[in-house]
Amino acid sequence: MKMLILVFRSTLNEEVLSALDELKLPGYTETAEVYGTGSMGRAFDSHAWPGYNSMVLSAVGEDDARKVAGVMKELSVRLTAQGEKVPLRLFAVPCEQLL
């Protein structure tokens, strides 16, 4: 099992969440208004650093993890082809359900 962690600019909410819904994952948790700094710049929803990120967590099996990675890669490639910088990151860590 993998814990997927998706971090993306809030402007991508609709596209990312629609893609996840189409995959019919067993479930996910969305955290809105996540602040931070990374390779795409700062996002603190302030005058100096406008915007914020969203984060999605989902515990999935290996097959679903590969499906999510494929769909997010397709989204990233499509947006990059349109000339956009894509503030979208996907991480996977081993996960064990304890309760």
PDB file of N, CA and C in Angstrom:
ATOM      1  N   MET A   1       0.851  -1.177   0.000  1.00  0.00           N
ATOM      2  CA  MET A   1       0.000   0.000   0.000  1.00  0.00           C
ATOM      3  C   MET A   1       0.894   1.237   0.000  1.00  0.00           C
ATOM      4  N   LYS A   2       0.425   2.290  -0.654  1.00  0.00           N
ATOM      5  CA  LYS A   2       1.144   3.559  -0.749  1.00  0.00           C
ATOM      6  C   LYS A   2       0.258   4.688  -0.228  1.00  0.00           C
ATOM      7  N   MET A   3       0.886   5.647   0.428  1.00  0.00           N
ATOM      8  CA  MET A   3       0.202   6.893   0.758  1.00  0.00           C
ATOM      9  C   MET A   3       0.636   7.894  -0.298  1.00  0.00           C
ATOM     10  N   LEU A   4      -0.309   8.304  -1.130  1.00  0.00           N
ATOM     11  CA  LEU A   4      -0.028   9.304  -2.149  1.00  0.00           C
ATOM     12  C   LEU A   4      -0.261  10.683  -1.552  1.00  0.00           C
ATOM     13  N   ILE A   5       0.649  11.569  -1.850  1.00  0.00           N
ATOM     14  CA  ILE A   5       0.548  12.960  -1.408  1.00  0.00           C
ATOM     15  C   ILE A   5       0.647  13.829  -2.651  1.00  0.00           C
ATOM     16  N   LEU A   6      -0.443  14.451  -3.000  1.00  0.00           N
ATOM     17  CA  LEU A   6      -0.499  15.365  -4.142  1.00  0.00           C
ATOM     18  C   LEU A   6      -0.514  16.790  -3.603  1.00  0.00           C
ATOM     19  N   VAL A   7       0.409  17.606  -4.059  1.00  0.00           N
ATOM     20  CA  VAL A   7       0.439  19.020  -3.676  1.00  0.00           C
ATOM     21  C   VAL A   7       0.381  19.816  -4.970  1.00  0.00           C
ATOM     22  N   PHE A   8      -0.560  20.750  -5.050  1.00  0.00           N
ATOM     23  CA  PHE A   8      -0.761  21.484  -6.300  1.00  0.00           C
ATOM     24  C   PHE A   8      -1.381  22.837  -6.013  1.00  0.00           C
ATOM     25  N   ARG A   9      -1.150  23.786  -6.922  1.00  0.00           N
ATOM     26  CA  ARG A   9      -1.714  25.128  -6.784  1.00  0.00           C
ATOM     27  C   ARG A   9      -3.227  25.029  -6.865  1.00  0.00           C
ATOM     28  N   SER A  10      -3.890  25.821  -6.080  1.00  0.00           N
ATOM     29  CA  SER A  10      -5.355  25.755  -5.986  1.00  0.00           C
ATOM     30  C   SER A  10      -6.040  25.999  -7.330  1.00  0.00           C
ATOM     31  N   THR A  11      -5.358  26.649  -8.255  1.00  0.00           N
ATOM     32  CA  THR A  11      -5.948  26.884  -9.580  1.00  0.00           C
ATOM     33  C   THR A  11      -6.163  25.583 -10.346  1.00  0.00           C
ATOM     34  N   LEU A  12      -5.531  24.498  -9.897  1.00  0.00           N
ATOM     35  CA  LEU A  12      -5.690  23.197 -10.552  1.00  0.00           C
ATOM     36  C   LEU A  12      -6.708  22.307  -9.845  1.00  0.00           C
ATOM     37  N   ASN A  13      -7.364  22.821  -8.813  1.00  0.00           N
ATOM     38  CA  ASN A  13      -8.298  22.002  -8.021  1.00  0.00           C
ATOM     39  C   ASN A  13      -9.280  21.215  -8.885  1.00  0.00           C
ATOM     40  N   GLU A  14      -9.978  21.900  -9.755  1.00  0.00           N
ATOM     41  CA  GLU A  14     -11.034  21.247 -10.538  1.00  0.00           C
ATOM     42  C   GLU A  14     -10.469  20.117 -11.405  1.00  0.00           C
ATOM     43  N   GLU A  15      -9.356  20.383 -12.080  1.00  0.00           N
ATOM     44  CA  GLU A  15      -8.784  19.362 -12.966  1.00  0.00           C
ATOM     45  C   GLU A  15      -8.252  18.166 -12.187  1.00  0.00           C
ATOM     46  N   VAL A  16      -7.544  18.419 -11.096  1.00  0.00           N
ATOM     47  CA  VAL A  16      -6.959  17.324 -10.315  1.00  0.00           C
ATOM     48  C   VAL A  16      -8.057  16.485  -9.670  1.00  0.00           C
ATOM     49  N   LEU A  17      -9.018  17.134  -9.014  1.00  0.00           N
ATOM     50  CA  LEU A  17     -10.068  16.383  -8.323  1.00  0.00           C
ATOM     51  C   LEU A  17     -10.970  15.631  -9.305  1.00  0.00           C
ATOM     52  N   SER A  18     -11.232  16.210 -10.461  1.00  0.00           N
ATOM     53  CA  SER A  18     -12.022  15.506 -11.484  1.00  0.00           C
ATOM     54  C   SER A  18     -11.288  14.258 -11.959  1.00  0.00           C
ATOM     55  N   ALA A  19      -9.978  14.389 -12.161  1.00  0.00           N
ATOM     56  CA  ALA A  19      -9.181  13.241 -12.600  1.00  0.00           C
ATOM     57  C   ALA A  19      -9.195  12.139 -11.546  1.00  0.00           C
ATOM     58  N   LEU A  20      -9.086  12.511 -10.277  1.00  0.00           N
ATOM     59  CA  LEU A  20      -9.121  11.512  -9.208  1.00  0.00           C
ATOM     60  C   LEU A  20     -10.489  10.840  -9.138  1.00  0.00           C
ATOM     61  N   ASP A  21     -11.545  11.624  -9.294  1.00  0.00           N
ATOM     62  CA  ASP A  21     -12.896  11.055  -9.256  1.00  0.00           C
ATOM     63  C   ASP A  21     -13.106  10.058 -10.395  1.00  0.00           C
ATOM     64  N   GLU A  22     -12.569  10.358 -11.568  1.00  0.00           N
ATOM     65  CA  GLU A  22     -12.707   9.450 -12.710  1.00  0.00           C
ATOM     66  C   GLU A  22     -11.998   8.114 -12.467  1.00  0.00           C
ATOM     67  N   LEU A  23     -10.949   8.121 -11.649  1.00  0.00           N
ATOM     68  CA  LEU A  23     -10.227   6.888 -11.341  1.00  0.00           C
ATOM     69  C   LEU A  23     -10.961   6.010 -10.333  1.00  0.00           C
ATOM     70  N   LYS A  24     -11.981   6.585  -9.683  1.00  0.00           N
ATOM     71  CA  LYS A  24     -12.789   5.845  -8.706  1.00  0.00           C
ATOM     72  C   LYS A  24     -11.910   5.195  -7.621  1.00  0.00           C
ATOM     73  N   LEU A  25     -11.037   6.021  -7.049  1.00  0.00           N
ATOM     74  CA  LEU A  25     -10.191   5.556  -5.948  1.00  0.00           C
ATOM     75  C   LEU A  25     -11.057   5.194  -4.752  1.00  0.00           C
ATOM     76  N   PRO A  26     -10.538   4.352  -3.856  1.00  0.00           N
ATOM     77  CA  PRO A  26     -11.329   3.977  -2.684  1.00  0.00           C
ATOM     78  C   PRO A  26     -11.627   5.170  -1.775  1.00  0.00           C
ATOM     79  N   GLY A  27     -10.841   6.229  -1.884  1.00  0.00           N
ATOM     80  CA  GLY A  27     -11.090   7.428  -1.099  1.00  0.00           C
ATOM     81  C   GLY A  27      -9.875   8.336  -1.094  1.00  0.00           C
ATOM     82  N   TYR A  28     -10.106   9.582  -0.734  1.00  0.00           N
ATOM     83  CA  TYR A  28      -9.002  10.517  -0.556  1.00  0.00           C
ATOM     84  C   TYR A  28      -9.460  11.628   0.375  1.00  0.00           C
ATOM     85  N   THR A  29      -8.485  12.329   0.929  1.00  0.00           N
ATOM     86  CA  THR A  29      -8.743  13.463   1.801  1.00  0.00           C
ATOM     87  C   THR A  29      -8.103  14.691   1.186  1.00  0.00           C
ATOM     88  N   GLU A  30      -8.877  15.749   1.062  1.00  0.00           N
ATOM     89  CA  GLU A  30      -8.356  17.000   0.508  1.00  0.00           C
ATOM     90  C   GLU A  30      -8.177  18.012   1.626  1.00  0.00           C
ATOM     91  N   THR A  31      -7.043  18.672   1.601  1.00  0.00           N
ATOM     92  CA  THR A  31      -6.775  19.776   2.518  1.00  0.00           C
ATOM     93  C   THR A  31      -6.619  21.025   1.670  1.00  0.00           C
ATOM     94  N   ALA A  32      -7.485  21.980   1.878  1.00  0.00           N
ATOM     95  CA  ALA A  32      -7.434  23.219   1.101  1.00  0.00           C
ATOM     96  C   ALA A  32      -6.572  24.247   1.840  1.00  0.00           C
ATOM     97  N   GLU A  33      -6.084  25.201   1.094  1.00  0.00           N
ATOM     98  CA  GLU A  33      -5.271  26.299   1.610  1.00  0.00           C
ATOM     99  C   GLU A  33      -4.055  25.812   2.391  1.00  0.00           C
ATOM    100  N   VAL A  34      -3.166  25.164   1.667  1.00  0.00           N
ATOM    101  CA  VAL A  34      -1.887  24.723   2.205  1.00  0.00           C
ATOM    102  C   VAL A  34      -0.843  25.730   1.740  1.00  0.00           C
ATOM    103  N   TYR A  35      -0.018  26.197   2.654  1.00  0.00           N
ATOM    104  CA  TYR A  35       0.980  27.212   2.335  1.00  0.00           C
ATOM    105  C   TYR A  35       2.372  26.601   2.324  1.00  0.00           C
ATOM    106  N   GLY A  36       3.260  27.168   1.506  1.00  0.00           N
ATOM    107  CA  GLY A  36       4.624  26.665   1.494  1.00  0.00           C
ATOM    108  C   GLY A  36       5.477  27.283   0.410  1.00  0.00           C
ATOM    109  N   THR A  37       6.690  26.780   0.348  1.00  0.00           N
ATOM    110  CA  THR A  37       7.685  27.228  -0.614  1.00  0.00           C
ATOM    111  C   THR A  37       8.263  26.010  -1.305  1.00  0.00           C
ATOM    112  N   GLY A  38       8.448  26.111  -2.604  1.00  0.00           N
ATOM    113  CA  GLY A  38       9.029  25.005  -3.350  1.00  0.00           C
ATOM    114  C   GLY A  38       9.606  25.488  -4.655  1.00  0.00           C
ATOM    115  N   SER A  39       9.842  24.556  -5.554  1.00  0.00           N
ATOM    116  CA  SER A  39      10.488  24.887  -6.820  1.00  0.00           C
ATOM    117  C   SER A  39       9.641  25.817  -7.693  1.00  0.00           C
ATOM    118  N   MET A  40       8.351  25.883  -7.443  1.00  0.00           N
ATOM    119  CA  MET A  40       7.472  26.756  -8.222  1.00  0.00           C
ATOM    120  C   MET A  40       7.258  28.106  -7.548  1.00  0.00           C
ATOM    121  N   GLY A  41       7.949  28.333  -6.435  1.00  0.00           N
ATOM    122  CA  GLY A  41       7.846  29.610  -5.745  1.00  0.00           C
ATOM    123  C   GLY A  41       7.091  29.495  -4.434  1.00  0.00           C
ATOM    124  N   ARG A  42       6.794  30.634  -3.884  1.00  0.00           N
ATOM    125  CA  ARG A  42       6.105  30.703  -2.586  1.00  0.00           C
ATOM    126  C   ARG A  42       4.602  30.851  -2.799  1.00  0.00           C
ATOM    127  N   ALA A  43       3.850  30.237  -1.907  1.00  0.00           N
ATOM    128  CA  ALA A  43       2.384  30.334  -1.949  1.00  0.00           C
ATOM    129  C   ALA A  43       1.903  30.503  -0.512  1.00  0.00           C
ATOM    130  N   PHE A  44       1.659  31.767  -0.137  1.00  0.00           N
ATOM    131  CA  PHE A  44       1.245  32.062   1.238  1.00  0.00           C
ATOM    132  C   PHE A  44      -0.045  32.881   1.295  1.00  0.00           C
ATOM    133  N   ASP A  45      -0.736  33.004   0.161  1.00  0.00           N
ATOM    134  CA  ASP A  45      -1.996  33.749   0.092  1.00  0.00           C
ATOM    135  C   ASP A  45      -1.867  35.139   0.714  1.00  0.00           C
ATOM    136  N   SER A  46      -0.772  35.815   0.379  1.00  0.00           N
ATOM    137  CA  SER A  46      -0.524  37.161   0.895  1.00  0.00           C
ATOM    138  C   SER A  46      -0.273  38.103  -0.284  1.00  0.00           C
ATOM    139  N   HIS A  47      -0.159  39.374   0.022  1.00  0.00           N
ATOM    140  CA  HIS A  47       0.119  40.348  -1.031  1.00  0.00           C
ATOM    141  C   HIS A  47       1.473  40.054  -1.675  1.00  0.00           C
ATOM    142  N   ALA A  48       2.456  39.733  -0.865  1.00  0.00           N
ATOM    143  CA  ALA A  48       3.800  39.463  -1.386  1.00  0.00           C
ATOM    144  C   ALA A  48       3.866  38.138  -2.143  1.00  0.00           C
ATOM    145  N   TRP A  49       3.177  37.118  -1.648  1.00  0.00           N
ATOM    146  CA  TRP A  49       3.207  35.784  -2.262  1.00  0.00           C
ATOM    147  C   TRP A  49       1.770  35.279  -2.418  1.00  0.00           C
ATOM    148  N   PRO A  50       1.093  35.729  -3.476  1.00  0.00           N
ATOM    149  CA  PRO A  50      -0.319  35.355  -3.656  1.00  0.00           C
ATOM    150  C   PRO A  50      -0.500  33.875  -3.989  1.00  0.00           C
ATOM    151  N   GLY A  51      -1.700  33.427  -3.755  1.00  0.00           N
ATOM    152  CA  GLY A  51      -2.064  32.045  -4.067  1.00  0.00           C
ATOM    153  C   GLY A  51      -1.774  31.103  -2.919  1.00  0.00           C
ATOM    154  N   TYR A  52      -2.335  29.930  -3.029  1.00  0.00           N
ATOM    155  CA  TYR A  52      -2.090  28.879  -2.043  1.00  0.00           C
ATOM    156  C   TYR A  52      -2.196  27.542  -2.752  1.00  0.00           C
ATOM    157  N   ASN A  53      -1.772  26.512  -2.061  1.00  0.00           N
ATOM    158  CA  ASN A  53      -1.802  25.164  -2.609  1.00  0.00           C
ATOM    159  C   ASN A  53      -2.959  24.378  -2.010  1.00  0.00           C
ATOM    160  N   SER A  54      -3.230  23.254  -2.607  1.00  0.00           N
ATOM    161  CA  SER A  54      -4.137  22.256  -2.055  1.00  0.00           C
ATOM    162  C   SER A  54      -3.322  20.971  -1.905  1.00  0.00           C
ATOM    163  N   MET A  55      -3.782  20.087  -1.036  1.00  0.00           N
ATOM    164  CA  MET A  55      -3.091  18.819  -0.844  1.00  0.00           C
ATOM    165  C   MET A  55      -4.134  17.711  -0.746  1.00  0.00           C
ATOM    166  N   VAL A  56      -3.830  16.600  -1.398  1.00  0.00           N
ATOM    167  CA  VAL A  56      -4.698  15.426  -1.354  1.00  0.00           C
ATOM    168  C   VAL A  56      -3.865  14.257  -0.846  1.00  0.00           C
ATOM    169  N   LEU A  57      -4.427  13.518   0.106  1.00  0.00           N
ATOM    170  CA  LEU A  57      -3.821  12.293   0.621  1.00  0.00           C
ATOM    171  C   LEU A  57      -4.721  11.133   0.244  1.00  0.00           C
ATOM    172  N   SER A  58      -4.108  10.037  -0.200  1.00  0.00           N
ATOM    173  CA  SER A  58      -4.900   8.859  -0.533  1.00  0.00           C
ATOM    174  C   SER A  58      -4.067   7.604  -0.316  1.00  0.00           C
ATOM    175  N   ALA A  59      -4.574   6.693   0.500  1.00  0.00           N
ATOM    176  CA  ALA A  59      -3.922   5.402   0.721  1.00  0.00           C
ATOM    177  C   ALA A  59      -4.488   4.426  -0.309  1.00  0.00           C
ATOM    178  N   VAL A  60      -3.607   3.945  -1.187  1.00  0.00           N
ATOM    179  CA  VAL A  60      -4.043   3.094  -2.301  1.00  0.00           C
ATOM    180  C   VAL A  60      -3.082   1.924  -2.496  1.00  0.00           C
ATOM    181  N   GLY A  61      -3.542   0.941  -3.245  1.00  0.00           N
ATOM    182  CA  GLY A  61      -2.693  -0.176  -3.638  1.00  0.00           C
ATOM    183  C   GLY A  61      -1.748   0.230  -4.758  1.00  0.00           C
ATOM    184  N   GLU A  62      -0.840  -0.670  -5.092  1.00  0.00           N
ATOM    185  CA  GLU A  62       0.170  -0.400  -6.123  1.00  0.00           C
ATOM    186  C   GLU A  62      -0.455  -0.055  -7.477  1.00  0.00           C
ATOM    187  N   ASP A  63      -1.498  -0.781  -7.876  1.00  0.00           N
ATOM    188  CA  ASP A  63      -2.130  -0.525  -9.180  1.00  0.00           C
ATOM    189  C   ASP A  63      -2.734   0.866  -9.236  1.00  0.00           C
ATOM    190  N   ASP A  64      -3.473   1.246  -8.186  1.00  0.00           N
ATOM    191  CA  ASP A  64      -4.070   2.587  -8.163  1.00  0.00           C
ATOM    192  C   ASP A  64      -2.994   3.667  -8.111  1.00  0.00           C
ATOM    193  N   ALA A  65      -1.905   3.415  -7.407  1.00  0.00           N
ATOM    194  CA  ALA A  65      -0.811   4.392  -7.342  1.00  0.00           C
ATOM    195  C   ALA A  65      -0.254   4.649  -8.740  1.00  0.00           C
ATOM    196  N   ARG A  66      -0.073   3.586  -9.520  1.00  0.00           N
ATOM    197  CA  ARG A  66       0.424   3.737 -10.891  1.00  0.00           C
ATOM    198  C   ARG A  66      -0.585   4.494 -11.764  1.00  0.00           C
ATOM    199  N   LYS A  67      -1.872   4.201 -11.567  1.00  0.00           N
ATOM    200  CA  LYS A  67      -2.904   4.910 -12.346  1.00  0.00           C
ATOM    201  C   LYS A  67      -2.888   6.405 -12.035  1.00  0.00           C
ATOM    202  N   VAL A  68      -2.820   6.743 -10.757  1.00  0.00           N
ATOM    203  CA  VAL A  68      -2.791   8.158 -10.370  1.00  0.00           C
ATOM    204  C   VAL A  68      -1.554   8.830 -10.958  1.00  0.00           C
ATOM    205  N   ALA A  69      -0.409   8.189 -10.845  1.00  0.00           N
ATOM    206  CA  ALA A  69       0.829   8.759 -11.387  1.00  0.00           C
ATOM    207  C   ALA A  69       0.700   8.998 -12.893  1.00  0.00           C
ATOM    208  N   GLY A  70       0.112   8.049 -13.610  1.00  0.00           N
ATOM    209  CA  GLY A  70      -0.068   8.197 -15.050  1.00  0.00           C
ATOM    210  C   GLY A  70      -0.968   9.357 -15.412  1.00  0.00           C
ATOM    211  N   VAL A  71      -2.084   9.474 -14.713  1.00  0.00           N
ATOM    212  CA  VAL A  71      -3.042  10.548 -14.993  1.00  0.00           C
ATOM    213  C   VAL A  71      -2.444  11.915 -14.650  1.00  0.00           C
ATOM    214  N   MET A  72      -1.726  12.014 -13.538  1.00  0.00           N
ATOM    215  CA  MET A  72      -1.123  13.289 -13.154  1.00  0.00           C
ATOM    216  C   MET A  72      -0.004  13.667 -14.117  1.00  0.00           C
ATOM    217  N   LYS A  73       0.730  12.689 -14.602  1.00  0.00           N
ATOM    218  CA  LYS A  73       1.774  12.954 -15.601  1.00  0.00           C
ATOM    219  C   LYS A  73       1.140  13.477 -16.887  1.00  0.00           C
ATOM    220  N   GLU A  74       0.041  12.851 -17.324  1.00  0.00           N
ATOM    221  CA  GLU A  74      -0.670  13.323 -18.522  1.00  0.00           C
ATOM    222  C   GLU A  74      -1.137  14.761 -18.348  1.00  0.00           C
ATOM    223  N   LEU A  75      -1.688  15.088 -17.185  1.00  0.00           N
ATOM    224  CA  LEU A  75      -2.149  16.445 -16.908  1.00  0.00           C
ATOM    225  C   LEU A  75      -0.977  17.419 -16.966  1.00  0.00           C
ATOM    226  N   SER A  76       0.118  17.052 -16.348  1.00  0.00           N
ATOM    227  CA  SER A  76       1.301  17.911 -16.340  1.00  0.00           C
ATOM    228  C   SER A  76       1.836  18.144 -17.746  1.00  0.00           C
ATOM    229  N   VAL A  77       1.913  17.088 -18.544  1.00  0.00           N
ATOM    230  CA  VAL A  77       2.401  17.212 -19.920  1.00  0.00           C
ATOM    231  C   VAL A  77       1.473  18.099 -20.735  1.00  0.00           C
ATOM    232  N   ARG A  78       0.163  17.903 -20.574  1.00  0.00           N
ATOM    233  CA  ARG A  78      -0.812  18.711 -21.331  1.00  0.00           C
ATOM    234  C   ARG A  78      -0.688  20.191 -20.986  1.00  0.00           C
ATOM    235  N   LEU A  79      -0.583  20.500 -19.702  1.00  0.00           N
ATOM    236  CA  LEU A  79      -0.482  21.903 -19.289  1.00  0.00           C
ATOM    237  C   LEU A  79       0.859  22.511 -19.700  1.00  0.00           C
ATOM    238  N   THR A  80       1.918  21.723 -19.626  1.00  0.00           N
ATOM    239  CA  THR A  80       3.233  22.214 -20.051  1.00  0.00           C
ATOM    240  C   THR A  80       3.217  22.526 -21.542  1.00  0.00           C
ATOM    241  N   ALA A  81       2.540  21.703 -22.327  1.00  0.00           N
ATOM    242  CA  ALA A  81       2.448  21.923 -23.776  1.00  0.00           C
ATOM    243  C   ALA A  81       1.702  23.217 -24.092  1.00  0.00           C
ATOM    244  N   GLN A  82       0.843  23.654 -23.175  1.00  0.00           N
ATOM    245  CA  GLN A  82       0.109  24.905 -23.352  1.00  0.00           C
ATOM    246  C   GLN A  82       0.940  26.096 -22.878  1.00  0.00           C
ATOM    247  N   GLY A  83       2.187  25.831 -22.487  1.00  0.00           N
ATOM    248  CA  GLY A  83       3.082  26.909 -22.081  1.00  0.00           C
ATOM    249  C   GLY A  83       2.995  27.285 -20.612  1.00  0.00           C
ATOM    250  N   GLU A  84       2.345  26.462 -19.813  1.00  0.00           N
ATOM    251  CA  GLU A  84       2.192  26.775 -18.401  1.00  0.00           C
ATOM    252  C   GLU A  84       3.260  26.081 -17.572  1.00  0.00           C
ATOM    253  N   LYS A  85       3.693  26.766 -16.503  1.00  0.00           N
ATOM    254  CA  LYS A  85       4.477  26.080 -15.483  1.00  0.00           C
ATOM    255  C   LYS A  85       3.465  25.322 -14.641  1.00  0.00           C
ATOM    256  N   VAL A  86       3.763  24.094 -14.306  1.00  0.00           N
ATOM    257  CA  VAL A  86       2.766  23.258 -13.648  1.00  0.00           C
ATOM    258  C   VAL A  86       3.129  23.038 -12.177  1.00  0.00           C
ATOM    259  N   PRO A  87       2.438  23.733 -11.288  1.00  0.00           N
ATOM    260  CA  PRO A  87       2.680  23.568  -9.855  1.00  0.00           C
ATOM    261  C   PRO A  87       1.934  22.345  -9.327  1.00  0.00           C
ATOM    262  N   LEU A  88       2.446  21.173  -9.655  1.00  0.00           N
ATOM    263  CA  LEU A  88       1.815  19.901  -9.293  1.00  0.00           C
ATOM    264  C   LEU A  88       2.915  18.912  -8.943  1.00  0.00           C
ATOM    265  N   ARG A  89       2.850  18.359  -7.742  1.00  0.00           N
ATOM    266  CA  ARG A  89       3.836  17.369  -7.298  1.00  0.00           C
ATOM    267  C   ARG A  89       3.094  16.165  -6.736  1.00  0.00           C
ATOM    268  N   LEU A  90       3.637  14.978  -6.984  1.00  0.00           N
ATOM    269  CA  LEU A  90       3.065  13.740  -6.471  1.00  0.00           C
ATOM    270  C   LEU A  90       4.171  12.951  -5.774  1.00  0.00           C
ATOM    271  N   PHE A  91       3.905  12.562  -4.543  1.00  0.00           N
ATOM    272  CA  PHE A  91       4.838  11.766  -3.757  1.00  0.00           C
ATOM    273  C   PHE A  91       4.132  10.487  -3.326  1.00  0.00           C
ATOM    274  N   ALA A  92       4.900   9.426  -3.161  1.00  0.00           N
ATOM    275  CA  ALA A  92       4.356   8.155  -2.668  1.00  0.00           C
ATOM    276  C   ALA A  92       5.285   7.630  -1.583  1.00  0.00           C
ATOM    277  N   VAL A  93       4.693   7.253  -0.462  1.00  0.00           N
ATOM    278  CA  VAL A  93       5.464   6.672   0.634  1.00  0.00           C
ATOM    279  C   VAL A  93       4.795   5.361   1.046  1.00  0.00           C
ATOM    280  N   PRO A  94       5.589   4.396   1.489  1.00  0.00           N
ATOM    281  CA  PRO A  94       4.995   3.142   1.959  1.00  0.00           C
ATOM    282  C   PRO A  94       3.990   3.430   3.079  1.00  0.00           C
ATOM    283  N   CYS A  95       2.925   2.652   3.106  1.00  0.00           N
ATOM    284  CA  CYS A  95       1.852   2.914   4.055  1.00  0.00           C
ATOM    285  C   CYS A  95       1.320   1.584   4.610  1.00  0.00           C
ATOM    286  N   GLU A  96       1.069   1.572   5.894  1.00  0.00           N
ATOM    287  CA  GLU A  96       0.480   0.404   6.549  1.00  0.00           C
ATOM    288  C   GLU A  96      -0.707   0.872   7.378  1.00  0.00           C
ATOM    289  N   GLN A  97      -1.880   0.303   7.153  1.00  0.00           N
ATOM    290  CA  GLN A  97      -3.042   0.668   7.934  1.00  0.00           C
ATOM    291  C   GLN A  97      -2.975  -0.045   9.276  1.00  0.00           C
ATOM    292  N   LEU A  98      -3.050   0.716  10.358  1.00  0.00           N
ATOM    293  CA  LEU A  98      -2.924   0.151  11.699  1.00  0.00           C
ATOM    294  C   LEU A  98      -4.266   0.008  12.417  1.00  0.00           C
ATOM    295  N   LEU A  99      -5.258   0.713  11.970  1.00  0.00           N
ATOM    296  CA  LEU A  99      -6.557   0.656  12.644  1.00  0.00           C
ATOM    297  C   LEU A  99      -7.662   0.742  11.622  1.00  0.00           C
TER     298      LEU A  99
END
